[in-house]
């Protein structure tokens, strides 16, 4: 099982390679253009794969930096520590930063590489399903603030993405399910046929069927690669990839990045966006019910966690990066496979959906 998907951005374009054994492949060292490699990972992933990656980089001068695991570690403090580690390693302009881990590691390492000496080469080595299908592709890099998620960052495209499917064998079941939320998102935005395929294969995906996961991953990456190729800096179509995220990010922030996983929050956010769409007369209640049912079969939450107030979540949503002068722009839909950006939704309507 292998696939190569192109992200077509001219001179900034790159390939996403999907398959087994990529962390052990000689092609990994070939992606380090200079003599120096800097591998950033976390405390969950490093014990499993860091030594293997370093062995694959034999012949290069390799430095490593390992952060504690968790969204709460994607901070300016960890960013500063990583920059200091690069300085102590004597990293020059030809260093390649490699992100070995999930979305937190990928976002942090990408931002570090965007800022070190005004931008150096980096490679994404995603080890979670969510990172493979979403965060590793597209060049969004960032860290969080207490006020909101991903508020400090930059667009900085990787030189390549190697999604080694073998790493999914060590992925906790909850993390696998969270990644499936981003797969559902791709289908919900623009592919009703893929959505129906997910409905037909939900139990097999949760069980970790390799062939089903490979198809889901490749399909999701191909969709995102196409969107990014057409709208790299999120000025139009790429905003649609945020379906569920304005609601979901508000939930994550309100919980102090220690409650729902990102994919779980996105699952809740998609249901809220679908509910709001139905309340506004844009879509049917039946499509909302199908979405909720699929997410439930995938073991994902579909309701706002207890203890979170609607008014607080709405206030946090105003810091969303798509908002303009405090006015929300939401990704809603007209049914499965037909998402769109909507402006001017009344606060009262959003609060009804949150309730």
C-alpha atoms as a PDB file:
ATOM      1  CA  UNK A   1       0.000   0.000   0.000  1.00  0.00           C
ATOM      2  CA  UNK A   2       1.596   3.263  -1.087  1.00  0.00           C
ATOM      3  CA  UNK A   3       0.632   6.534  -2.725  1.00  0.00           C
ATOM      4  CA  UNK A   4       2.317   9.787  -3.700  1.00  0.00           C
ATOM      5  CA  UNK A   5       0.208  12.944  -3.771  1.00  0.00           C
ATOM      6  CA  UNK A   6       1.470  16.265  -5.120  1.00  0.00           C
ATOM      7  CA  UNK A   7       0.821  19.623  -3.506  1.00  0.00           C
ATOM      8  CA  UNK A   8       1.223  21.873  -6.550  1.00  0.00           C
ATOM      9  CA  UNK A   9       2.574  25.243  -5.467  1.00  0.00           C
ATOM     10  CA  UNK A  10       5.156  25.929  -8.150  1.00  0.00           C
ATOM     11  CA  UNK A  11       8.622  26.276  -6.650  1.00  0.00           C
ATOM     12  CA  UNK A  12       7.105  25.681  -3.193  1.00  0.00           C
ATOM     13  CA  UNK A  13       5.398  22.447  -4.224  1.00  0.00           C
ATOM     14  CA  UNK A  14       6.139  19.089  -2.590  1.00  0.00           C
ATOM     15  CA  UNK A  15       5.020  15.493  -2.357  1.00  0.00           C
ATOM     16  CA  UNK A  16       3.086  13.674   0.341  1.00  0.00           C
ATOM     17  CA  UNK A  17       4.155  10.029   0.430  1.00  0.00           C
ATOM     18  CA  UNK A  18       1.873   7.502   2.093  1.00  0.00           C
ATOM     19  CA  UNK A  19       3.041   3.962   2.813  1.00  0.00           C
ATOM     20  CA  UNK A  20       4.701   1.606   5.253  1.00  0.00           C
ATOM     21  CA  UNK A  21       8.365   1.726   6.280  1.00  0.00           C
ATOM     22  CA  UNK A  22       8.987   5.333   5.253  1.00  0.00           C
ATOM     23  CA  UNK A  23      10.754   6.184   8.523  1.00  0.00           C
ATOM     24  CA  UNK A  24      13.319   3.469   7.738  1.00  0.00           C
ATOM     25  CA  UNK A  25      13.785   4.426   4.105  1.00  0.00           C
ATOM     26  CA  UNK A  26      16.958   5.953   2.619  1.00  0.00           C
ATOM     27  CA  UNK A  27      14.732   8.622   1.073  1.00  0.00           C
ATOM     28  CA  UNK A  28      14.475  10.220   4.528  1.00  0.00           C
ATOM     29  CA  UNK A  29      18.153  11.190   4.590  1.00  0.00           C
ATOM     30  CA  UNK A  30      17.863  12.366   0.984  1.00  0.00           C
ATOM     31  CA  UNK A  31      15.316  14.952   2.129  1.00  0.00           C
ATOM     32  CA  UNK A  32      17.914  16.579   4.384  1.00  0.00           C
ATOM     33  CA  UNK A  33      19.570  18.807   1.806  1.00  0.00           C
ATOM     34  CA  UNK A  34      22.442  19.994   4.016  1.00  0.00           C
ATOM     35  CA  UNK A  35      24.619  18.358   6.634  1.00  0.00           C
ATOM     36  CA  UNK A  36      22.451  19.196   9.661  1.00  0.00           C
ATOM     37  CA  UNK A  37      19.169  17.689  10.842  1.00  0.00           C
ATOM     38  CA  UNK A  38      17.132  18.779  13.867  1.00  0.00           C
ATOM     39  CA  UNK A  39      14.402  16.334  14.926  1.00  0.00           C
ATOM     40  CA  UNK A  40      11.606  17.675  17.120  1.00  0.00           C
ATOM     41  CA  UNK A  41       9.359  15.086  18.785  1.00  0.00           C
ATOM     42  CA  UNK A  42       7.359  14.517  21.974  1.00  0.00           C
ATOM     43  CA  UNK A  43       7.521  12.255  24.991  1.00  0.00           C
ATOM     44  CA  UNK A  44       5.032   9.751  23.586  1.00  0.00           C
ATOM     45  CA  UNK A  45       6.488   9.353  20.111  1.00  0.00           C
ATOM     46  CA  UNK A  46      10.225   9.724  20.757  1.00  0.00           C
ATOM     47  CA  UNK A  47      10.621   6.442  22.685  1.00  0.00           C
ATOM     48  CA  UNK A  48       8.962   4.593  19.801  1.00  0.00           C
ATOM     49  CA  UNK A  49      10.507   6.120  16.699  1.00  0.00           C
ATOM     50  CA  UNK A  50      13.235   8.683  17.395  1.00  0.00           C
ATOM     51  CA  UNK A  51      16.122   6.182  17.340  1.00  0.00           C
ATOM     52  CA  UNK A  52      14.876   4.736  14.050  1.00  0.00           C
ATOM     53  CA  UNK A  53      14.727   8.155  12.451  1.00  0.00           C
ATOM     54  CA  UNK A  54      18.216   9.002  13.686  1.00  0.00           C
ATOM     55  CA  UNK A  55      19.509   5.733  12.221  1.00  0.00           C
ATOM     56  CA  UNK A  56      17.891   6.603   8.899  1.00  0.00           C
ATOM     57  CA  UNK A  57      19.744   9.925   9.026  1.00  0.00           C
ATOM     58  CA  UNK A  58      23.156   8.264   9.367  1.00  0.00           C
ATOM     59  CA  UNK A  59      25.789  10.467   7.774  1.00  0.00           C
ATOM     60  CA  UNK A  60      24.055  13.659   8.878  1.00  0.00           C
ATOM     61  CA  UNK A  61      24.780  15.705  11.979  1.00  0.00           C
ATOM     62  CA  UNK A  62      21.598  15.058  13.981  1.00  0.00           C
ATOM     63  CA  UNK A  63      20.320  17.026  16.994  1.00  0.00           C
ATOM     64  CA  UNK A  64      17.077  16.265  18.793  1.00  0.00           C
ATOM     65  CA  UNK A  65      14.594  18.145  20.954  1.00  0.00           C
ATOM     66  CA  UNK A  66      11.758  16.376  22.789  1.00  0.00           C
ATOM     67  CA  UNK A  67       8.809  18.168  24.394  1.00  0.00           C
ATOM     68  CA  UNK A  68       6.175  16.726  26.739  1.00  0.00           C
ATOM     69  CA  UNK A  69       3.124  15.397  24.884  1.00  0.00           C
ATOM     70  CA  UNK A  70      -0.153  17.295  24.672  1.00  0.00           C
ATOM     71  CA  UNK A  71      -1.842  20.326  23.129  1.00  0.00           C
ATOM     72  CA  UNK A  72      -1.023  22.316  26.262  1.00  0.00           C
ATOM     73  CA  UNK A  73       2.651  22.176  25.208  1.00  0.00           C
ATOM     74  CA  UNK A  74       2.117  24.055  21.930  1.00  0.00           C
ATOM     75  CA  UNK A  75       3.190  27.343  23.457  1.00  0.00           C
ATOM     76  CA  UNK A  76       5.535  30.270  22.969  1.00  0.00           C
ATOM     77  CA  UNK A  77       7.556  28.886  25.873  1.00  0.00           C
ATOM     78  CA  UNK A  78       8.227  25.579  24.065  1.00  0.00           C
ATOM     79  CA  UNK A  79       8.865  27.556  20.882  1.00  0.00           C
ATOM     80  CA  UNK A  80      11.543  29.538  22.709  1.00  0.00           C
ATOM     81  CA  UNK A  81      13.094  26.367  24.096  1.00  0.00           C
ATOM     82  CA  UNK A  82      13.259  24.847  20.613  1.00  0.00           C
ATOM     83  CA  UNK A  83      14.896  27.967  19.196  1.00  0.00           C
ATOM     84  CA  UNK A  84      17.480  27.868  21.982  1.00  0.00           C
ATOM     85  CA  UNK A  85      18.114  24.183  21.235  1.00  0.00           C
ATOM     86  CA  UNK A  86      18.772  25.053  17.594  1.00  0.00           C
ATOM     87  CA  UNK A  87      21.227  27.738  18.706  1.00  0.00           C
ATOM     88  CA  UNK A  88      23.021  25.317  21.038  1.00  0.00           C
ATOM     89  CA  UNK A  89      23.237  22.787  18.201  1.00  0.00           C
ATOM     90  CA  UNK A  90      24.940  25.380  16.018  1.00  0.00           C
ATOM     91  CA  UNK A  91      22.208  25.074  13.381  1.00  0.00           C
ATOM     92  CA  UNK A  92      22.931  27.084  10.264  1.00  0.00           C
ATOM     93  CA  UNK A  93      20.797  28.088   7.289  1.00  0.00           C
ATOM     94  CA  UNK A  94      21.165  24.618   5.772  1.00  0.00           C
ATOM     95  CA  UNK A  95      19.575  22.783   8.714  1.00  0.00           C
ATOM     96  CA  UNK A  96      16.478  20.674   8.041  1.00  0.00           C
ATOM     97  CA  UNK A  97      13.925  20.514  10.850  1.00  0.00           C
ATOM     98  CA  UNK A  98      12.016  17.219  10.996  1.00  0.00           C
ATOM     99  CA  UNK A  99       8.674  17.046  12.827  1.00  0.00           C
ATOM    100  CA  UNK A 100       8.234  13.543  14.252  1.00  0.00           C
ATOM    101  CA  UNK A 101       4.841  13.272  15.910  1.00  0.00           C
ATOM    102  CA  UNK A 102       1.264  14.447  15.740  1.00  0.00           C
ATOM    103  CA  UNK A 103      -0.303  17.804  15.051  1.00  0.00           C
ATOM    104  CA  UNK A 104       1.203  19.574  18.059  1.00  0.00           C
ATOM    105  CA  UNK A 105       4.735  18.582  17.077  1.00  0.00           C
ATOM    106  CA  UNK A 106       4.108  19.387  13.418  1.00  0.00           C
ATOM    107  CA  UNK A 107       2.668  22.831  14.130  1.00  0.00           C
ATOM    108  CA  UNK A 108       5.429  23.725  16.583  1.00  0.00           C
ATOM    109  CA  UNK A 109       8.283  22.393  14.443  1.00  0.00           C
ATOM    110  CA  UNK A 110       6.882  24.149  11.404  1.00  0.00           C
ATOM    111  CA  UNK A 111       6.721  27.467  13.216  1.00  0.00           C
ATOM    112  CA  UNK A 112      10.239  26.958  14.553  1.00  0.00           C
ATOM    113  CA  UNK A 113      11.528  26.289  11.033  1.00  0.00           C
ATOM    114  CA  UNK A 114       9.643  29.311   9.687  1.00  0.00           C
ATOM    115  CA  UNK A 115      11.397  31.583  12.195  1.00  0.00           C
ATOM    116  CA  UNK A 116      14.900  30.132  12.552  1.00  0.00           C
ATOM    117  CA  UNK A 117      17.155  32.431  10.529  1.00  0.00           C
ATOM    118  CA  UNK A 118      13.989  33.704   8.777  1.00  0.00           C
ATOM    119  CA  UNK A 119      13.045  30.311   7.418  1.00  0.00           C
ATOM    120  CA  UNK A 120      14.718  26.938   6.943  1.00  0.00           C
ATOM    121  CA  UNK A 121      13.738  23.660   5.347  1.00  0.00           C
ATOM    122  CA  UNK A 122      11.503  21.243   7.237  1.00  0.00           C
ATOM    123  CA  UNK A 123       9.947  17.825   6.706  1.00  0.00           C
ATOM    124  CA  UNK A 124       6.756  16.483   8.246  1.00  0.00           C
ATOM    125  CA  UNK A 125       6.837  12.929   9.659  1.00  0.00           C
ATOM    126  CA  UNK A 126       3.279  12.571  10.991  1.00  0.00           C
ATOM    127  CA  UNK A 127       2.653   9.646  13.329  1.00  0.00           C
ATOM    128  CA  UNK A 128      -1.054  10.201  14.061  1.00  0.00           C
ATOM    129  CA  UNK A 129      -4.007   9.794  11.745  1.00  0.00           C
ATOM    130  CA  UNK A 130      -5.088  13.372  12.345  1.00  0.00           C
ATOM    131  CA  UNK A 131      -1.678  14.764  11.435  1.00  0.00           C
ATOM    132  CA  UNK A 132      -1.478  12.576   8.329  1.00  0.00           C
ATOM    133  CA  UNK A 133      -4.808  13.671   6.861  1.00  0.00           C
ATOM    134  CA  UNK A 134      -4.797  17.293   7.960  1.00  0.00           C
ATOM    135  CA  UNK A 135      -2.179  19.246   9.903  1.00  0.00           C
ATOM    136  CA  UNK A 136       0.959  17.945   8.149  1.00  0.00           C
ATOM    137  CA  UNK A 137      -0.260  19.146   4.737  1.00  0.00           C
ATOM    138  CA  UNK A 138      -0.647  22.778   3.770  1.00  0.00           C
ATOM    139  CA  UNK A 139       2.028  24.749   5.601  1.00  0.00           C
ATOM    140  CA  UNK A 140      -0.003  26.135   8.499  1.00  0.00           C
ATOM    141  CA  UNK A 141       2.301  26.448  11.514  1.00  0.00           C
ATOM    142  CA  UNK A 142       1.438  27.960  14.881  1.00  0.00           C
ATOM    143  CA  UNK A 143       1.396  27.912  18.647  1.00  0.00           C
ATOM    144  CA  UNK A 144      -1.524  28.563  20.991  1.00  0.00           C
ATOM    145  CA  UNK A 145      -2.196  31.359  23.469  1.00  0.00           C
ATOM    146  CA  UNK A 146      -4.472  31.163  26.519  1.00  0.00           C
ATOM    147  CA  UNK A 147      -6.805  33.470  24.576  1.00  0.00           C
ATOM    148  CA  UNK A 148      -7.104  31.190  21.568  1.00  0.00           C
ATOM    149  CA  UNK A 149      -5.742  28.384  19.457  1.00  0.00           C
ATOM    150  CA  UNK A 150      -3.137  28.899  16.703  1.00  0.00           C
ATOM    151  CA  UNK A 151      -3.102  32.680  17.139  1.00  0.00           C
ATOM    152  CA  UNK A 152       0.677  33.002  16.646  1.00  0.00           C
ATOM    153  CA  UNK A 153       2.047  31.386  13.514  1.00  0.00           C
ATOM    154  CA  UNK A 154       3.073  31.574   9.883  1.00  0.00           C
ATOM    155  CA  UNK A 155       2.518  29.881   6.552  1.00  0.00           C
ATOM    156  CA  UNK A 156       5.616  27.775   5.882  1.00  0.00           C
ATOM    157  CA  UNK A 157       5.355  24.819   3.529  1.00  0.00           C
ATOM    158  CA  UNK A 158       7.259  21.593   4.257  1.00  0.00           C
ATOM    159  CA  UNK A 159       9.748  20.210   1.762  1.00  0.00           C
ATOM    160  CA  UNK A 160       7.988  16.846   1.967  1.00  0.00           C
ATOM    161  CA  UNK A 161       5.555  14.816   4.046  1.00  0.00           C
ATOM    162  CA  UNK A 162       6.232  11.140   4.798  1.00  0.00           C
ATOM    163  CA  UNK A 163       3.174   9.446   6.315  1.00  0.00           C
ATOM    164  CA  UNK A 164       4.389   6.062   7.543  1.00  0.00           C
ATOM    165  CA  UNK A 165       1.251   3.962   8.033  1.00  0.00           C
ATOM    166  CA  UNK A 166       3.177   1.576  10.286  1.00  0.00           C
ATOM    167  CA  UNK A 167       3.122   4.201  13.038  1.00  0.00           C
ATOM    168  CA  UNK A 168      -0.648   3.846  13.308  1.00  0.00           C
ATOM    169  CA  UNK A 169      -0.126   0.441  14.929  1.00  0.00           C
ATOM    170  CA  UNK A 170       1.071   2.193  18.112  1.00  0.00           C
ATOM    171  CA  UNK A 171      -1.589   4.899  18.048  1.00  0.00           C
ATOM    172  CA  UNK A 172      -4.014   4.798  21.005  1.00  0.00           C
ATOM    173  CA  UNK A 173      -7.595   4.000  19.987  1.00  0.00           C
ATOM    174  CA  UNK A 174      -8.836   7.393  21.136  1.00  0.00           C
ATOM    175  CA  UNK A 175      -6.271   9.176  18.943  1.00  0.00           C
ATOM    176  CA  UNK A 176      -7.285   7.056  15.938  1.00  0.00           C
ATOM    177  CA  UNK A 177     -10.925   7.978  16.424  1.00  0.00           C
ATOM    178  CA  UNK A 178      -9.998  11.657  16.789  1.00  0.00           C
ATOM    179  CA  UNK A 179      -8.176  11.505  13.456  1.00  0.00           C
ATOM    180  CA  UNK A 180     -11.238  10.044  11.780  1.00  0.00           C
ATOM    181  CA  UNK A 181     -13.070  13.285  12.569  1.00  0.00           C
ATOM    182  CA  UNK A 182     -10.845  15.105  10.068  1.00  0.00           C
ATOM    183  CA  UNK A 183     -11.537  12.383   7.496  1.00  0.00           C
ATOM    184  CA  UNK A 184     -15.270  12.920   7.967  1.00  0.00           C
ATOM    185  CA  UNK A 185     -14.684  16.663   7.626  1.00  0.00           C
ATOM    186  CA  UNK A 186     -13.166  16.233   4.172  1.00  0.00           C
ATOM    187  CA  UNK A 187     -16.197  14.253   3.032  1.00  0.00           C
ATOM    188  CA  UNK A 188     -18.681  16.610   4.663  1.00  0.00           C
ATOM    189  CA  UNK A 189     -17.164  19.612   2.888  1.00  0.00           C
ATOM    190  CA  UNK A 190     -17.145  18.412  -0.698  1.00  0.00           C
ATOM    191  CA  UNK A 191     -17.610  14.675  -1.306  1.00  0.00           C
ATOM    192  CA  UNK A 192     -20.974  13.063  -0.632  1.00  0.00           C
ATOM    193  CA  UNK A 193     -19.833   9.788  -2.210  1.00  0.00           C
ATOM    194  CA  UNK A 194     -16.854   9.582   0.166  1.00  0.00           C
ATOM    195  CA  UNK A 195     -19.220  10.338   3.051  1.00  0.00           C
ATOM    196  CA  UNK A 196     -21.390   7.377   2.014  1.00  0.00           C
ATOM    197  CA  UNK A 197     -18.246   5.202   1.806  1.00  0.00           C
ATOM    198  CA  UNK A 198     -17.360   6.199   5.365  1.00  0.00           C
ATOM    199  CA  UNK A 199     -20.864   5.270   6.500  1.00  0.00           C
ATOM    200  CA  UNK A 200     -20.458   1.852   4.877  1.00  0.00           C
ATOM    201  CA  UNK A 201     -17.049   1.237   6.464  1.00  0.00           C
ATOM    202  CA  UNK A 202     -17.221   2.968   9.849  1.00  0.00           C
ATOM    203  CA  UNK A 203     -16.713  -0.116  11.991  1.00  0.00           C
ATOM    204  CA  UNK A 204     -13.776  -1.343   9.912  1.00  0.00           C
ATOM    205  CA  UNK A 205     -12.059   2.028  10.184  1.00  0.00           C
ATOM    206  CA  UNK A 206     -12.439   2.100  13.966  1.00  0.00           C
ATOM    207  CA  UNK A 207     -11.090  -1.463  14.107  1.00  0.00           C
ATOM    208  CA  UNK A 208      -7.960  -0.308  12.246  1.00  0.00           C
ATOM    209  CA  UNK A 209      -8.438  -2.180   8.975  1.00  0.00           C
ATOM    210  CA  UNK A 210      -5.254  -1.286   7.062  1.00  0.00           C
ATOM    211  CA  UNK A 211      -6.748  -1.231   3.575  1.00  0.00           C
ATOM    212  CA  UNK A 212      -9.673   0.925   4.646  1.00  0.00           C
ATOM    213  CA  UNK A 213      -7.429   3.345   6.534  1.00  0.00           C
ATOM    214  CA  UNK A 214      -5.044   3.659   3.584  1.00  0.00           C
ATOM    215  CA  UNK A 215      -7.939   4.546   1.278  1.00  0.00           C
ATOM    216  CA  UNK A 216      -9.381   7.031   3.787  1.00  0.00           C
ATOM    217  CA  UNK A 217      -5.990   8.663   4.356  1.00  0.00           C
ATOM    218  CA  UNK A 218      -5.057   8.922   0.667  1.00  0.00           C
ATOM    219  CA  UNK A 219      -8.490  10.282  -0.266  1.00  0.00           C
ATOM    220  CA  UNK A 220      -8.407  12.893   2.493  1.00  0.00           C
ATOM    221  CA  UNK A 221      -4.857  14.005   1.658  1.00  0.00           C
ATOM    222  CA  UNK A 222      -5.656  14.263  -2.049  1.00  0.00           C
ATOM    223  CA  UNK A 223      -8.654  16.458  -1.244  1.00  0.00           C
ATOM    224  CA  UNK A 224      -6.668  18.780   1.004  1.00  0.00           C
ATOM    225  CA  UNK A 225      -3.705  18.907  -1.392  1.00  0.00           C
ATOM    226  CA  UNK A 226      -6.030  20.076  -4.157  1.00  0.00           C
ATOM    227  CA  UNK A 227      -7.529  22.811  -2.009  1.00  0.00           C
ATOM    228  CA  UNK A 228      -4.119  24.027  -0.807  1.00  0.00           C
ATOM    229  CA  UNK A 229      -2.778  24.021  -4.368  1.00  0.00           C
ATOM    230  CA  UNK A 230      -5.609  26.352  -5.406  1.00  0.00           C
ATOM    231  CA  UNK A 231      -5.623  28.585  -2.309  1.00  0.00           C
ATOM    232  CA  UNK A 232      -2.392  28.380  -0.317  1.00  0.00           C
ATOM    233  CA  UNK A 233      -2.975  31.389   1.960  1.00  0.00           C
ATOM    234  CA  UNK A 234      -6.647  30.765   2.821  1.00  0.00           C
ATOM    235  CA  UNK A 235      -8.141  33.688   0.942  1.00  0.00           C
ATOM    236  CA  UNK A 236     -11.108  31.728  -0.357  1.00  0.00           C
ATOM    237  CA  UNK A 237     -11.716  28.009  -0.849  1.00  0.00           C
ATOM    238  CA  UNK A 238      -9.274  26.921   1.851  1.00  0.00           C
ATOM    239  CA  UNK A 239     -11.501  28.495   4.503  1.00  0.00           C
ATOM    240  CA  UNK A 240     -13.877  25.579   3.915  1.00  0.00           C
ATOM    241  CA  UNK A 241     -11.322  23.267   5.561  1.00  0.00           C
ATOM    242  CA  UNK A 242     -12.301  24.936   8.834  1.00  0.00           C
ATOM    243  CA  UNK A 243     -15.715  23.240   8.964  1.00  0.00           C
ATOM    244  CA  UNK A 244     -16.321  22.628  12.672  1.00  0.00           C
ATOM    245  CA  UNK A 245     -13.125  24.396  13.694  1.00  0.00           C
ATOM    246  CA  UNK A 246     -14.490  27.761  14.847  1.00  0.00           C
ATOM    247  CA  UNK A 247     -16.756  25.974  17.321  1.00  0.00           C
ATOM    248  CA  UNK A 248     -14.140  23.299  18.088  1.00  0.00           C
ATOM    249  CA  UNK A 249     -11.292  25.701  18.781  1.00  0.00           C
ATOM    250  CA  UNK A 250     -13.506  27.659  21.159  1.00  0.00           C
ATOM    251  CA  UNK A 251     -14.243  24.448  23.075  1.00  0.00           C
ATOM    252  CA  UNK A 252     -10.544  23.514  23.237  1.00  0.00           C
ATOM    253  CA  UNK A 253      -9.583  26.974  24.486  1.00  0.00           C
ATOM    254  CA  UNK A 254     -12.367  27.095  27.059  1.00  0.00           C
ATOM    255  CA  UNK A 255     -11.157  23.749  28.419  1.00  0.00           C
ATOM    256  CA  UNK A 256      -7.590  25.045  28.709  1.00  0.00           C
ATOM    257  CA  UNK A 257      -6.372  22.588  26.023  1.00  0.00           C
ATOM    258  CA  UNK A 258      -6.790  19.759  28.505  1.00  0.00           C
ATOM    259  CA  UNK A 259     -10.237  18.364  27.688  1.00  0.00           C
ATOM    260  CA  UNK A 260     -11.358  17.111  24.298  1.00  0.00           C
ATOM    261  CA  UNK A 261      -8.703  16.186  21.763  1.00  0.00           C
ATOM    262  CA  UNK A 262      -8.602  18.400  18.679  1.00  0.00           C
ATOM    263  CA  UNK A 263     -10.389  15.866  16.490  1.00  0.00           C
ATOM    264  CA  UNK A 264     -13.044  15.314  19.141  1.00  0.00           C
ATOM    265  CA  UNK A 265     -13.659  19.056  19.391  1.00  0.00           C
ATOM    266  CA  UNK A 266     -13.909  19.256  15.591  1.00  0.00           C
ATOM    267  CA  UNK A 267     -16.492  16.459  15.644  1.00  0.00           C
ATOM    268  CA  UNK A 268     -18.626  18.448  18.080  1.00  0.00           C
ATOM    269  CA  UNK A 269     -18.009  21.588  16.039  1.00  0.00           C
ATOM    270  CA  UNK A 270     -19.197  19.948  12.817  1.00  0.00           C
ATOM    271  CA  UNK A 271     -22.449  18.890  14.472  1.00  0.00           C
ATOM    272  CA  UNK A 272     -22.920  22.434  15.773  1.00  0.00           C
ATOM    273  CA  UNK A 273     -22.261  23.869  12.293  1.00  0.00           C
ATOM    274  CA  UNK A 274     -24.729  21.413  10.753  1.00  0.00           C
ATOM    275  CA  UNK A 275     -27.305  22.191  13.451  1.00  0.00           C
ATOM    276  CA  UNK A 276     -26.933  25.917  12.833  1.00  0.00           C
ATOM    277  CA  UNK A 277     -27.217  25.368   9.070  1.00  0.00           C
ATOM    278  CA  UNK A 278     -30.490  23.502   9.577  1.00  0.00           C
ATOM    279  CA  UNK A 279     -31.818  26.187  11.917  1.00  0.00           C
ATOM    280  CA  UNK A 280     -31.047  28.820   9.261  1.00  0.00           C
ATOM    281  CA  UNK A 281     -32.897  26.810   6.620  1.00  0.00           C
ATOM    282  CA  UNK A 282     -29.737  26.100   4.629  1.00  0.00           C
ATOM    283  CA  UNK A 283     -29.790  22.322   5.031  1.00  0.00           C
ATOM    284  CA  UNK A 284     -32.009  19.511   6.173  1.00  0.00           C
ATOM    285  CA  UNK A 285     -32.225  18.032   9.648  1.00  0.00           C
ATOM    286  CA  UNK A 286     -31.734  14.635   7.987  1.00  0.00           C
ATOM    287  CA  UNK A 287     -28.189  15.509   6.924  1.00  0.00           C
ATOM    288  CA  UNK A 288     -27.407  16.681  10.455  1.00  0.00           C
ATOM    289  CA  UNK A 289     -28.731  13.367  11.758  1.00  0.00           C
ATOM    290  CA  UNK A 290     -26.548  11.426   9.286  1.00  0.00           C
ATOM    291  CA  UNK A 291     -23.472  13.350  10.377  1.00  0.00           C
ATOM    292  CA  UNK A 292     -24.198  12.835  14.062  1.00  0.00           C
ATOM    293  CA  UNK A 293     -24.865   9.128  13.509  1.00  0.00           C
ATOM    294  CA  UNK A 294     -21.606   8.596  11.597  1.00  0.00           C
ATOM    295  CA  UNK A 295     -19.535  10.399  14.213  1.00  0.00           C
ATOM    296  CA  UNK A 296     -21.200   8.392  16.965  1.00  0.00           C
ATOM    297  CA  UNK A 297     -20.392   5.121  15.177  1.00  0.00           C
ATOM    298  CA  UNK A 298     -16.780   6.290  14.965  1.00  0.00           C
ATOM    299  CA  UNK A 299     -16.730   6.746  18.731  1.00  0.00           C
ATOM    300  CA  UNK A 300     -16.633  10.547  18.645  1.00  0.00           C
ATOM    301  CA  UNK A 301     -18.504  13.070  20.820  1.00  0.00           C
ATOM    302  CA  UNK A 302     -21.272  15.132  19.243  1.00  0.00           C
ATOM    303  CA  UNK A 303     -22.377  17.481  22.058  1.00  0.00           C
ATOM    304  CA  UNK A 304     -20.777  20.416  23.856  1.00  0.00           C
ATOM    305  CA  UNK A 305     -19.058  19.152  27.025  1.00  0.00           C
ATOM    306  CA  UNK A 306     -20.844  19.829  30.282  1.00  0.00           C
ATOM    307  CA  UNK A 307     -19.860  22.972  32.133  1.00  0.00           C
ATOM    308  CA  UNK A 308     -19.159  25.172  29.094  1.00  0.00           C
ATOM    309  CA  UNK A 309     -21.359  28.234  28.746  1.00  0.00           C
ATOM    310  CA  UNK A 310     -22.686  29.266  25.335  1.00  0.00           C
ATOM    311  CA  UNK A 311     -21.857  32.942  25.871  1.00  0.00           C
ATOM    312  CA  UNK A 312     -18.263  32.120  26.789  1.00  0.00           C
ATOM    313  CA  UNK A 313     -17.847  29.969  23.694  1.00  0.00           C
ATOM    314  CA  UNK A 314     -19.307  32.703  21.478  1.00  0.00           C
ATOM    315  CA  UNK A 315     -16.853  35.227  22.929  1.00  0.00           C
ATOM    316  CA  UNK A 316     -13.951  32.901  22.191  1.00  0.00           C
ATOM    317  CA  UNK A 317     -15.224  32.325  18.654  1.00  0.00           C
ATOM    318  CA  UNK A 318     -14.770  36.033  17.971  1.00  0.00           C
ATOM    319  CA  UNK A 319     -10.990  35.502  18.141  1.00  0.00           C
ATOM    320  CA  UNK A 320     -11.213  32.978  15.301  1.00  0.00           C
ATOM    321  CA  UNK A 321      -8.815  33.807  12.466  1.00  0.00           C
ATOM    322  CA  UNK A 322     -11.663  33.999   9.919  1.00  0.00           C
ATOM    323  CA  UNK A 323     -13.487  36.673  11.940  1.00  0.00           C
ATOM    324  CA  UNK A 324     -13.347  40.246  10.633  1.00  0.00           C
ATOM    325  CA  UNK A 325     -13.452  43.087  13.181  1.00  0.00           C
ATOM    326  CA  UNK A 326     -15.038  40.729  15.688  1.00  0.00           C
ATOM    327  CA  UNK A 327     -17.758  39.615  13.275  1.00  0.00           C
ATOM    328  CA  UNK A 328     -17.956  35.886  12.735  1.00  0.00           C
ATOM    329  CA  UNK A 329     -17.449  34.151   9.423  1.00  0.00           C
ATOM    330  CA  UNK A 330     -18.596  30.559   9.818  1.00  0.00           C
ATOM    331  CA  UNK A 331     -18.187  27.510   7.625  1.00  0.00           C
ATOM    332  CA  UNK A 332     -21.681  26.051   7.306  1.00  0.00           C
ATOM    333  CA  UNK A 333     -23.228  23.725   4.724  1.00  0.00           C
ATOM    334  CA  UNK A 334     -26.184  23.142   2.430  1.00  0.00           C
ATOM    335  CA  UNK A 335     -26.026  19.453   3.116  1.00  0.00           C
ATOM    336  CA  UNK A 336     -23.422  16.710   2.964  1.00  0.00           C
ATOM    337  CA  UNK A 337     -20.659  17.624   0.512  1.00  0.00           C
ATOM    338  CA  UNK A 338     -21.717  21.278   0.088  1.00  0.00           C
ATOM    339  CA  UNK A 339     -19.951  23.544   2.568  1.00  0.00           C
ATOM    340  CA  UNK A 340     -19.694  27.311   2.256  1.00  0.00           C
ATOM    341  CA  UNK A 341     -18.499  30.364   4.191  1.00  0.00           C
ATOM    342  CA  UNK A 342     -21.315  32.446   5.684  1.00  0.00           C
ATOM    343  CA  UNK A 343     -21.050  35.934   7.146  1.00  0.00           C
ATOM    344  CA  UNK A 344     -23.464  37.903   9.260  1.00  0.00           C
ATOM    345  CA  UNK A 345     -24.999  35.083  11.301  1.00  0.00           C
ATOM    346  CA  UNK A 346     -26.801  36.618  14.278  1.00  0.00           C
ATOM    347  CA  UNK A 347     -25.415  35.937  17.747  1.00  0.00           C
ATOM    348  CA  UNK A 348     -28.810  34.632  18.819  1.00  0.00           C
ATOM    349  CA  UNK A 349     -28.695  31.911  16.139  1.00  0.00           C
ATOM    350  CA  UNK A 350     -25.201  30.823  17.176  1.00  0.00           C
ATOM    351  CA  UNK A 351     -26.230  30.728  20.824  1.00  0.00           C
ATOM    352  CA  UNK A 352     -29.255  28.553  19.962  1.00  0.00           C
ATOM    353  CA  UNK A 353     -26.996  26.075  18.217  1.00  0.00           C
ATOM    354  CA  UNK A 354     -24.553  26.062  21.149  1.00  0.00           C
ATOM    355  CA  UNK A 355     -27.436  25.414  23.521  1.00  0.00           C
END
